[in-house]
PDB file of all heavy atoms in Angstrom:
ATOM      1  N   GLY A   1       8.510   0.987   0.541  1.00  0.00           N
ATOM      2  CA  GLY A   1       8.669  -0.443   0.303  1.00  0.00           C
ATOM      3  C   GLY A   1       8.414  -1.224   1.461  1.00  0.00           C
ATOM      4  O   GLY A   1       8.260  -0.810   2.649  1.00  0.00           O
ATOM      5  N   THR A   2       8.461  -2.563   1.356  1.00  0.00           N
ATOM      6  CA  THR A   2       8.287  -3.656   2.387  1.00  0.00           C
ATOM      7  C   THR A   2       6.805  -3.398   3.052  1.00  0.00           C
ATOM      8  O   THR A   2       6.764  -3.319   4.130  1.00  0.00           O
ATOM      9  CB  THR A   2       9.346  -3.580   3.398  1.00  0.00           C
ATOM     10  OG1 THR A   2      10.630  -3.456   2.731  1.00  0.00           O
ATOM     11  CG2 THR A   2       9.354  -4.792   4.156  1.00  0.00           C
ATOM     12  N   VAL A   3       5.874  -3.019   2.116  1.00  0.00           N
ATOM     13  CA  VAL A   3       4.520  -2.938   2.535  1.00  0.00           C
ATOM     14  C   VAL A   3       3.864  -4.235   2.533  1.00  0.00           C
ATOM     15  O   VAL A   3       3.322  -4.567   1.488  1.00  0.00           O
ATOM     16  CB  VAL A   3       3.866  -1.795   1.774  1.00  0.00           C
ATOM     17  CG1 VAL A   3       2.297  -1.539   2.209  1.00  0.00           C
ATOM     18  CG2 VAL A   3       4.551  -0.485   1.727  1.00  0.00           C
ATOM     19  N   ILE A   4       3.847  -4.959   3.689  1.00  0.00           N
ATOM     20  CA  ILE A   4       3.494  -6.332   3.665  1.00  0.00           C
ATOM     21  C   ILE A   4       1.945  -6.490   4.029  1.00  0.00           C
ATOM     22  O   ILE A   4       1.379  -7.662   3.920  1.00  0.00           O
ATOM     23  CB  ILE A   4       4.282  -7.197   4.581  1.00  0.00           C
ATOM     24  CG1 ILE A   4       4.206  -6.558   6.085  1.00  0.00           C
ATOM     25  CG2 ILE A   4       5.764  -7.230   4.164  1.00  0.00           C
ATOM     26  CD1 ILE A   4       4.992  -7.478   7.112  1.00  0.00           C
ATOM     27  N   ASN A   5       1.281  -5.402   4.489  1.00  0.00           N
ATOM     28  CA  ASN A   5      -0.171  -5.568   4.966  1.00  0.00           C
ATOM     29  C   ASN A   5      -0.831  -4.293   4.857  1.00  0.00           C
ATOM     30  O   ASN A   5      -0.181  -3.250   4.598  1.00  0.00           O
ATOM     31  CB  ASN A   5      -0.134  -6.092   6.427  1.00  0.00           C
ATOM     32  CG  ASN A   5       0.532  -5.311   7.392  1.00  0.00           C
ATOM     33  OD1 ASN A   5       0.527  -4.057   7.408  1.00  0.00           O
ATOM     34  ND2 ASN A   5       1.355  -5.956   8.321  1.00  0.00           N
ATOM     35  N   VAL A   6      -2.110  -4.200   4.942  1.00  0.00           N
ATOM     36  CA  VAL A   6      -2.892  -3.013   4.903  1.00  0.00           C
ATOM     37  C   VAL A   6      -2.622  -2.021   5.907  1.00  0.00           C
ATOM     38  O   VAL A   6      -2.693  -0.793   5.636  1.00  0.00           O
ATOM     39  CB  VAL A   6      -4.504  -3.407   4.987  1.00  0.00           C
ATOM     40  CG1 VAL A   6      -5.318  -2.127   4.871  1.00  0.00           C
ATOM     41  CG2 VAL A   6      -4.789  -4.171   3.613  1.00  0.00           C
ATOM     42  N   LYS A   7      -2.303  -2.327   7.074  1.00  0.00           N
ATOM     43  CA  LYS A   7      -2.016  -1.439   8.023  1.00  0.00           C
ATOM     44  C   LYS A   7      -0.754  -0.556   7.615  1.00  0.00           C
ATOM     45  O   LYS A   7      -0.846   0.759   7.868  1.00  0.00           O
ATOM     46  CB  LYS A   7      -1.587  -2.108   9.407  1.00  0.00           C
ATOM     47  CG  LYS A   7      -1.326  -1.166  10.508  1.00  0.00           C
ATOM     48  CD  LYS A   7      -0.894  -1.956  11.848  1.00  0.00           C
ATOM     49  CE  LYS A   7      -0.456  -0.964  12.966  1.00  0.00           C
ATOM     50  NZ  LYS A   7      -0.037  -1.671  14.187  1.00  0.00           N
ATOM     51  N   ILE A   8       0.273  -1.161   7.183  1.00  0.00           N
ATOM     52  CA  ILE A   8       1.279  -0.369   6.672  1.00  0.00           C
ATOM     53  C   ILE A   8       0.945   0.480   5.589  1.00  0.00           C
ATOM     54  O   ILE A   8       1.529   1.660   5.387  1.00  0.00           O
ATOM     55  CB  ILE A   8       2.668  -1.231   6.356  1.00  0.00           C
ATOM     56  CG1 ILE A   8       3.012  -2.012   7.710  1.00  0.00           C
ATOM     57  CG2 ILE A   8       3.788  -0.448   5.863  1.00  0.00           C
ATOM     58  CD1 ILE A   8       4.186  -3.077   7.500  1.00  0.00           C
ATOM     59  N   ALA A   9       0.232  -0.046   4.552  1.00  0.00           N
ATOM     60  CA  ALA A   9      -0.217   0.566   3.464  1.00  0.00           C
ATOM     61  C   ALA A   9      -0.905   1.828   3.771  1.00  0.00           C
ATOM     62  O   ALA A   9      -0.772   3.036   3.286  1.00  0.00           O
ATOM     63  CB  ALA A   9      -1.062  -0.175   2.674  1.00  0.00           C
ATOM     64  N   GLU A  10      -1.735   1.837   4.839  1.00  0.00           N
ATOM     65  CA  GLU A  10      -2.539   2.994   5.298  1.00  0.00           C
ATOM     66  C   GLU A  10      -1.601   3.995   5.906  1.00  0.00           C
ATOM     67  O   GLU A  10      -1.781   5.180   5.644  1.00  0.00           O
ATOM     68  CB  GLU A  10      -3.549   2.474   6.513  1.00  0.00           C
ATOM     69  CG  GLU A  10      -4.254   3.698   7.012  1.00  0.00           C
ATOM     70  CD  GLU A  10      -5.331   3.067   8.100  1.00  0.00           C
ATOM     71  OE1 GLU A  10      -5.347   1.939   8.543  1.00  0.00           O
ATOM     72  OE2 GLU A  10      -6.007   4.104   8.614  1.00  0.00           O
ATOM     73  N   GLU A  11      -0.567   3.649   6.653  1.00  0.00           N
ATOM     74  CA  GLU A  11       0.341   4.582   7.281  1.00  0.00           C
ATOM     75  C   GLU A  11       1.190   5.265   6.215  1.00  0.00           C
ATOM     76  O   GLU A  11       1.289   6.479   6.320  1.00  0.00           O
ATOM     77  CB  GLU A  11       1.214   3.804   8.308  1.00  0.00           C
ATOM     78  CG  GLU A  11       0.529   3.163   9.488  1.00  0.00           C
ATOM     79  CD  GLU A  11       1.437   2.405  10.283  1.00  0.00           C
ATOM     80  OE1 GLU A  11       2.526   1.960   9.755  1.00  0.00           O
ATOM     81  OE2 GLU A  11       1.174   2.258  11.464  1.00  0.00           O
ATOM     82  N   VAL A  12       1.756   4.581   5.137  1.00  0.00           N
ATOM     83  CA  VAL A  12       2.563   5.174   4.197  1.00  0.00           C
ATOM     84  C   VAL A  12       1.765   6.048   3.271  1.00  0.00           C
ATOM     85  O   VAL A  12       2.340   7.109   2.790  1.00  0.00           O
ATOM     86  CB  VAL A  12       3.402   4.077   3.425  1.00  0.00           C
ATOM     87  CG1 VAL A  12       4.277   3.321   4.480  1.00  0.00           C
ATOM     88  CG2 VAL A  12       2.386   3.187   2.567  1.00  0.00           C
ATOM     89  N   ILE A  13       0.410   5.737   3.023  1.00  0.00           N
ATOM     90  CA  ILE A  13      -0.224   6.596   2.013  1.00  0.00           C
ATOM     91  C   ILE A  13      -0.601   7.953   2.870  1.00  0.00           C
ATOM     92  O   ILE A  13      -0.503   8.948   2.245  1.00  0.00           O
ATOM     93  CB  ILE A  13      -1.623   5.880   1.719  1.00  0.00           C
ATOM     94  CG1 ILE A  13      -1.287   4.726   0.706  1.00  0.00           C
ATOM     95  CG2 ILE A  13      -2.519   6.816   1.007  1.00  0.00           C
ATOM     96  CD1 ILE A  13      -2.333   3.888   0.412  1.00  0.00           C
ATOM     97  N   LYS A  14      -0.840   7.903   4.091  1.00  0.00           N
ATOM     98  CA  LYS A  14      -1.116   9.031   4.916  1.00  0.00           C
ATOM     99  C   LYS A  14       0.164  10.004   4.983  1.00  0.00           C
ATOM    100  O   LYS A  14       0.085  11.077   5.110  1.00  0.00           O
ATOM    101  CB  LYS A  14      -1.591   8.722   6.361  1.00  0.00           C
ATOM    102  CG  LYS A  14      -2.968   8.204   6.398  1.00  0.00           C
ATOM    103  CD  LYS A  14      -3.376   7.939   7.877  1.00  0.00           C
ATOM    104  CE  LYS A  14      -4.858   7.432   7.948  1.00  0.00           C
ATOM    105  NZ  LYS A  14      -5.219   7.026   9.317  1.00  0.00           N
ATOM    106  N   ALA A  15       1.404   9.192   4.979  1.00  0.00           N
ATOM    107  CA  ALA A  15       2.660   9.911   4.971  1.00  0.00           C
ATOM    108  C   ALA A  15       2.955  10.562   3.634  1.00  0.00           C
ATOM    109  O   ALA A  15       3.988  11.336   3.637  1.00  0.00           O
ATOM    110  CB  ALA A  15       3.685   8.987   5.398  1.00  0.00           C
ATOM    111  N   GLY A  16       2.355  10.216   2.586  1.00  0.00           N
ATOM    112  CA  GLY A  16       2.492  10.783   1.278  1.00  0.00           C
ATOM    113  C   GLY A  16       3.206   9.870   0.241  1.00  0.00           C
ATOM    114  O   GLY A  16       3.573  10.382  -0.807  1.00  0.00           O
ATOM    115  N   ALA A  17       3.315   8.608   0.542  1.00  0.00           N
ATOM    116  CA  ALA A  17       3.880   7.760  -0.530  1.00  0.00           C
ATOM    117  C   ALA A  17       3.244   7.801  -1.795  1.00  0.00           C
ATOM    118  O   ALA A  17       2.069   7.682  -1.786  1.00  0.00           O
ATOM    119  CB  ALA A  17       3.977   6.320   0.068  1.00  0.00           C
ATOM    120  N   GLN A  18       3.908   8.063  -2.811  1.00  0.00           N
ATOM    121  CA  GLN A  18       3.285   8.139  -4.214  1.00  0.00           C
ATOM    122  C   GLN A  18       3.088   6.796  -4.904  1.00  0.00           C
ATOM    123  O   GLN A  18       2.312   6.618  -5.743  1.00  0.00           O
ATOM    124  CB  GLN A  18       4.161   8.992  -5.060  1.00  0.00           C
ATOM    125  CG  GLN A  18       4.196  10.380  -4.621  1.00  0.00           C
ATOM    126  CD  GLN A  18       5.207  11.203  -5.496  1.00  0.00           C
ATOM    127  OE1 GLN A  18       6.410  11.094  -5.081  1.00  0.00           O
ATOM    128  NE2 GLN A  18       4.753  12.160  -6.333  1.00  0.00           N
ATOM    129  N   PHE A  19       3.745   5.856  -4.260  1.00  0.00           N
ATOM    130  CA  PHE A  19       3.647   4.349  -4.690  1.00  0.00           C
ATOM    131  C   PHE A  19       3.896   3.413  -3.634  1.00  0.00           C
ATOM    132  O   PHE A  19       4.775   3.761  -2.665  1.00  0.00           O
ATOM    133  CB  PHE A  19       4.410   4.139  -6.070  1.00  0.00           C
ATOM    134  CG  PHE A  19       5.857   4.090  -6.035  1.00  0.00           C
ATOM    135  CD1 PHE A  19       6.628   2.885  -5.679  1.00  0.00           C
ATOM    136  CD2 PHE A  19       6.504   5.358  -6.075  1.00  0.00           C
ATOM    137  CE1 PHE A  19       8.083   3.101  -5.449  1.00  0.00           C
ATOM    138  CE2 PHE A  19       7.870   5.445  -6.033  1.00  0.00           C
ATOM    139  CZ  PHE A  19       8.658   4.390  -5.635  1.00  0.00           C
ATOM    140  N   ILE A  20       3.433   2.160  -3.823  1.00  0.00           N
ATOM    141  CA  ILE A  20       3.779   1.141  -2.778  1.00  0.00           C
ATOM    142  C   ILE A  20       4.535   0.072  -3.365  1.00  0.00           C
ATOM    143  O   ILE A  20       4.133  -0.382  -4.559  1.00  0.00           O
ATOM    144  CB  ILE A  20       2.413   0.787  -2.150  1.00  0.00           C
ATOM    145  CG1 ILE A  20       1.968   1.835  -1.088  1.00  0.00           C
ATOM    146  CG2 ILE A  20       2.597  -0.569  -1.442  1.00  0.00           C
ATOM    147  CD1 ILE A  20       0.602   1.499  -0.419  1.00  0.00           C
ATOM    148  N   VAL A  21       5.426  -0.506  -2.734  1.00  0.00           N
ATOM    149  CA  VAL A  21       6.129  -1.709  -3.151  1.00  0.00           C
ATOM    150  C   VAL A  21       6.014  -2.888  -2.041  1.00  0.00           C
ATOM    151  O   VAL A  21       6.265  -2.543  -0.905  1.00  0.00           O
ATOM    152  CB  VAL A  21       7.571  -1.486  -3.447  1.00  0.00           C
ATOM    153  CG1 VAL A  21       8.340  -2.717  -4.031  1.00  0.00           C
ATOM    154  CG2 VAL A  21       7.838  -0.273  -4.261  1.00  0.00           C
ATOM    155  N   THR A  22       5.607  -4.115  -2.476  1.00  0.00           N
ATOM    156  CA  THR A  22       5.471  -5.139  -1.553  1.00  0.00           C
ATOM    157  C   THR A  22       6.512  -6.291  -1.956  1.00  0.00           C
ATOM    158  O   THR A  22       6.847  -6.505  -3.127  1.00  0.00           O
ATOM    159  CB  THR A  22       4.088  -5.772  -1.523  1.00  0.00           C
ATOM    160  OG1 THR A  22       3.948  -6.617  -2.677  1.00  0.00           O
ATOM    161  CG2 THR A  22       2.959  -4.720  -1.635  1.00  0.00           C
ATOM    162  N   PRO A  23       6.866  -7.001  -0.886  1.00  0.00           N
ATOM    163  CA  PRO A  23       7.786  -8.207  -1.109  1.00  0.00           C
ATOM    164  C   PRO A  23       6.876  -9.481  -1.373  1.00  0.00           C
ATOM    165  O   PRO A  23       7.395 -10.488  -1.845  1.00  0.00           O
ATOM    166  CB  PRO A  23       8.520  -8.372   0.126  1.00  0.00           C
ATOM    167  CG  PRO A  23       7.718  -7.938   1.210  1.00  0.00           C
ATOM    168  CD  PRO A  23       6.879  -6.751   0.593  1.00  0.00           C
ATOM    169  N   ASN A  24       5.567  -9.260  -1.111  1.00  0.00           N
ATOM    170  CA  ASN A  24       4.548 -10.426  -1.139  1.00  0.00           C
ATOM    171  C   ASN A  24       3.492 -10.093  -2.037  1.00  0.00           C
ATOM    172  O   ASN A  24       3.174  -8.916  -2.378  1.00  0.00           O
ATOM    173  CB  ASN A  24       4.153 -10.815   0.361  1.00  0.00           C
ATOM    174  CG  ASN A  24       3.504  -9.514   1.024  1.00  0.00           C
ATOM    175  OD1 ASN A  24       3.855  -8.432   0.791  1.00  0.00           O
ATOM    176  ND2 ASN A  24       2.612  -9.702   1.827  1.00  0.00           N
ATOM    177  N   THR A  25       2.605 -11.137  -2.213  1.00  0.00           N
ATOM    178  CA  THR A  25       1.429 -10.922  -2.980  1.00  0.00           C
ATOM    179  C   THR A  25       0.246 -10.909  -2.081  1.00  0.00           C
ATOM    180  O   THR A  25      -0.226 -11.857  -1.580  1.00  0.00           O
ATOM    181  CB  THR A  25       1.218 -12.164  -4.042  1.00  0.00           C
ATOM    182  OG1 THR A  25       2.410 -12.408  -4.757  1.00  0.00           O
ATOM    183  CG2 THR A  25       0.130 -11.899  -5.108  1.00  0.00           C
ATOM    184  N   ASN A  26      -0.209  -9.685  -1.902  1.00  0.00           N
ATOM    185  CA  ASN A  26      -1.417  -9.356  -0.982  1.00  0.00           C
ATOM    186  C   ASN A  26      -2.455  -8.617  -1.641  1.00  0.00           C
ATOM    187  O   ASN A  26      -2.242  -7.398  -1.947  1.00  0.00           O
ATOM    188  CB  ASN A  26      -0.799  -8.696   0.310  1.00  0.00           C
ATOM    189  CG  ASN A  26      -1.822  -8.490   1.318  1.00  0.00           C
ATOM    190  OD1 ASN A  26      -3.032  -8.389   1.026  1.00  0.00           O
ATOM    191  ND2 ASN A  26      -1.500  -8.532   2.535  1.00  0.00           N
ATOM    192  N   ALA A  27      -3.453  -9.241  -2.063  1.00  0.00           N
ATOM    193  CA  ALA A  27      -4.579  -8.692  -2.862  1.00  0.00           C
ATOM    194  C   ALA A  27      -5.273  -7.449  -2.157  1.00  0.00           C
ATOM    195  O   ALA A  27      -5.645  -6.520  -2.591  1.00  0.00           O
ATOM    196  CB  ALA A  27      -5.622  -9.640  -3.126  1.00  0.00           C
ATOM    197  N   ASP A  28      -5.283  -7.583  -0.792  1.00  0.00           N
ATOM    198  CA  ASP A  28      -5.888  -6.612   0.102  1.00  0.00           C
ATOM    199  C   ASP A  28      -5.059  -5.275   0.002  1.00  0.00           C
ATOM    200  O   ASP A  28      -5.680  -4.153   0.046  1.00  0.00           O
ATOM    201  CB  ASP A  28      -6.069  -6.941   1.508  1.00  0.00           C
ATOM    202  CG  ASP A  28      -7.104  -8.103   1.764  1.00  0.00           C
ATOM    203  OD1 ASP A  28      -7.950  -8.099   0.910  1.00  0.00           O
ATOM    204  OD2 ASP A  28      -6.867  -8.958   2.724  1.00  0.00           O
ATOM    205  N   VAL A  29      -3.777  -5.405  -0.066  1.00  0.00           N
ATOM    206  CA  VAL A  29      -2.900  -4.173  -0.108  1.00  0.00           C
ATOM    207  C   VAL A  29      -3.261  -3.453  -1.512  1.00  0.00           C
ATOM    208  O   VAL A  29      -3.338  -2.242  -1.553  1.00  0.00           O
ATOM    209  CB  VAL A  29      -1.491  -4.556   0.027  1.00  0.00           C
ATOM    210  CG1 VAL A  29      -0.575  -3.307  -0.371  1.00  0.00           C
ATOM    211  CG2 VAL A  29      -1.123  -4.929   1.476  1.00  0.00           C
ATOM    212  N   ILE A  30      -3.282  -4.315  -2.592  1.00  0.00           N
ATOM    213  CA  ILE A  30      -3.567  -3.666  -3.716  1.00  0.00           C
ATOM    214  C   ILE A  30      -4.895  -2.886  -3.874  1.00  0.00           C
ATOM    215  O   ILE A  30      -5.134  -1.752  -4.344  1.00  0.00           O
ATOM    216  CB  ILE A  30      -3.551  -4.783  -4.982  1.00  0.00           C
ATOM    217  CG1 ILE A  30      -2.291  -5.474  -4.944  1.00  0.00           C
ATOM    218  CG2 ILE A  30      -3.918  -4.164  -6.348  1.00  0.00           C
ATOM    219  CD1 ILE A  30      -2.315  -6.751  -5.831  1.00  0.00           C
ATOM    220  N   LYS A  31      -5.990  -3.561  -3.241  1.00  0.00           N
ATOM    221  CA  LYS A  31      -7.247  -3.033  -3.240  1.00  0.00           C
ATOM    222  C   LYS A  31      -7.298  -1.718  -2.435  1.00  0.00           C
ATOM    223  O   LYS A  31      -7.914  -0.745  -2.822  1.00  0.00           O
ATOM    224  CB  LYS A  31      -8.317  -4.000  -2.620  1.00  0.00           C
ATOM    225  CG  LYS A  31      -9.794  -3.528  -2.628  1.00  0.00           C
ATOM    226  CD  LYS A  31     -10.617  -4.694  -1.949  1.00  0.00           C
ATOM    227  CE  LYS A  31     -11.907  -4.168  -1.813  1.00  0.00           C
ATOM    228  NZ  LYS A  31     -12.838  -5.268  -1.336  1.00  0.00           N
ATOM    229  N   TYR A  32      -6.559  -1.709  -1.283  1.00  0.00           N
ATOM    230  CA  TYR A  32      -6.640  -0.720  -0.461  1.00  0.00           C
ATOM    231  C   TYR A  32      -5.875   0.628  -1.138  1.00  0.00           C
ATOM    232  O   TYR A  32      -6.343   1.831  -1.118  1.00  0.00           O
ATOM    233  CB  TYR A  32      -5.905  -0.945   0.881  1.00  0.00           C
ATOM    234  CG  TYR A  32      -5.984   0.257   1.910  1.00  0.00           C
ATOM    235  CD1 TYR A  32      -7.072   0.461   2.667  1.00  0.00           C
ATOM    236  CD2 TYR A  32      -4.909   1.152   1.897  1.00  0.00           C
ATOM    237  CE1 TYR A  32      -6.990   1.649   3.531  1.00  0.00           C
ATOM    238  CE2 TYR A  32      -4.844   2.247   2.690  1.00  0.00           C
ATOM    239  CZ  TYR A  32      -5.991   2.553   3.556  1.00  0.00           C
ATOM    240  OH  TYR A  32      -6.046   3.574   4.369  1.00  0.00           O
ATOM    241  N   ALA A  33      -4.712   0.331  -1.658  1.00  0.00           N
ATOM    242  CA  ALA A  33      -4.063   1.384  -2.260  1.00  0.00           C
ATOM    243  C   ALA A  33      -4.771   2.047  -3.434  1.00  0.00           C
ATOM    244  O   ALA A  33      -4.681   3.234  -3.671  1.00  0.00           O
ATOM    245  CB  ALA A  33      -2.547   0.839  -2.796  1.00  0.00           C
ATOM    246  N   HIS A  34      -5.319   1.101  -4.383  1.00  0.00           N
ATOM    247  CA  HIS A  34      -6.043   1.617  -5.447  1.00  0.00           C
ATOM    248  C   HIS A  34      -7.307   2.483  -5.088  1.00  0.00           C
ATOM    249  O   HIS A  34      -7.587   3.337  -5.822  1.00  0.00           O
ATOM    250  CB  HIS A  34      -6.506   0.495  -6.382  1.00  0.00           C
ATOM    251  CG  HIS A  34      -5.340  -0.086  -7.196  1.00  0.00           C
ATOM    252  ND1 HIS A  34      -5.501  -1.204  -8.030  1.00  0.00           N
ATOM    253  CD2 HIS A  34      -4.050   0.227  -7.224  1.00  0.00           C
ATOM    254  CE1 HIS A  34      -4.422  -1.549  -8.538  1.00  0.00           C
ATOM    255  NE2 HIS A  34      -3.453  -0.720  -8.077  1.00  0.00           N
ATOM    256  N   LYS A  35      -7.753   2.211  -3.865  1.00  0.00           N
ATOM    257  CA  LYS A  35      -8.931   3.077  -3.428  1.00  0.00           C
ATOM    258  C   LYS A  35      -8.440   4.597  -3.289  1.00  0.00           C
ATOM    259  O   LYS A  35      -9.280   5.436  -3.427  1.00  0.00           O
ATOM    260  CB  LYS A  35      -9.432   2.530  -2.000  1.00  0.00           C
ATOM    261  CG  LYS A  35     -10.620   3.363  -1.460  1.00  0.00           C
ATOM    262  CD  LYS A  35     -11.235   2.496  -0.331  1.00  0.00           C
ATOM    263  CE  LYS A  35     -10.409   2.549   0.912  1.00  0.00           C
ATOM    264  NZ  LYS A  35     -11.095   2.057   2.165  1.00  0.00           N
ATOM    265  N   TYR A  36      -7.155   4.815  -3.046  1.00  0.00           N
ATOM    266  CA  TYR A  36      -6.598   6.109  -2.925  1.00  0.00           C
ATOM    267  C   TYR A  36      -5.791   6.490  -4.098  1.00  0.00           C
ATOM    268  O   TYR A  36      -4.930   7.426  -4.047  1.00  0.00           O
ATOM    269  CB  TYR A  36      -5.743   6.138  -1.709  1.00  0.00           C
ATOM    270  CG  TYR A  36      -6.586   6.034  -0.439  1.00  0.00           C
ATOM    271  CD1 TYR A  36      -6.896   4.702   0.198  1.00  0.00           C
ATOM    272  CD2 TYR A  36      -7.191   7.129   0.076  1.00  0.00           C
ATOM    273  CE1 TYR A  36      -7.642   4.638   1.362  1.00  0.00           C
ATOM    274  CE2 TYR A  36      -8.042   6.984   1.263  1.00  0.00           C
ATOM    275  CZ  TYR A  36      -8.181   5.703   1.950  1.00  0.00           C
ATOM    276  OH  TYR A  36      -9.007   5.525   3.101  1.00  0.00           O
ATOM    277  N   ASP A  37      -5.961   5.740  -5.166  1.00  0.00           N
ATOM    278  CA  ASP A  37      -5.290   6.085  -6.415  1.00  0.00           C
ATOM    279  C   ASP A  37      -3.844   5.929  -6.370  1.00  0.00           C
ATOM    280  O   ASP A  37      -3.088   6.655  -7.028  1.00  0.00           O
ATOM    281  CB  ASP A  37      -5.719   7.352  -6.971  1.00  0.00           C
ATOM    282  CG  ASP A  37      -5.594   7.557  -8.373  1.00  0.00           C
ATOM    283  OD1 ASP A  37      -5.777   6.617  -9.168  1.00  0.00           O
ATOM    284  OD2 ASP A  37      -5.335   8.734  -9.039  1.00  0.00           O
ATOM    285  N   VAL A  38      -3.358   4.996  -5.539  1.00  0.00           N
ATOM    286  CA  VAL A  38      -1.853   4.851  -5.362  1.00  0.00           C
ATOM    287  C   VAL A  38      -1.459   3.504  -5.992  1.00  0.00           C
ATOM    288  O   VAL A  38      -2.130   2.507  -5.785  1.00  0.00           O
ATOM    289  CB  VAL A  38      -1.567   4.750  -3.884  1.00  0.00           C
ATOM    290  CG1 VAL A  38      -0.064   4.403  -3.626  1.00  0.00           C
ATOM    291  CG2 VAL A  38      -1.864   6.107  -3.258  1.00  0.00           C
ATOM    292  N   PRO A  39      -0.473   3.476  -6.882  1.00  0.00           N
ATOM    293  CA  PRO A  39      -0.069   2.262  -7.625  1.00  0.00           C
ATOM    294  C   PRO A  39       0.675   1.333  -6.632  1.00  0.00           C
ATOM    295  O   PRO A  39       1.270   1.783  -5.719  1.00  0.00           O
ATOM    296  CB  PRO A  39       0.742   2.783  -8.658  1.00  0.00           C
ATOM    297  CG  PRO A  39       1.294   4.024  -8.253  1.00  0.00           C
ATOM    298  CD  PRO A  39       0.158   4.723  -7.366  1.00  0.00           C
TER     299      PRO A  39
END
């Protein structure tokens, strides 16, 4: 949770997060996570 940017998204996906939750609307985070099949 509290994945506010792509840098954090990258870190949590590498750590094994099965899904990402954001407090903000960031299209880049969505695009990055979907590249790795993470909702």
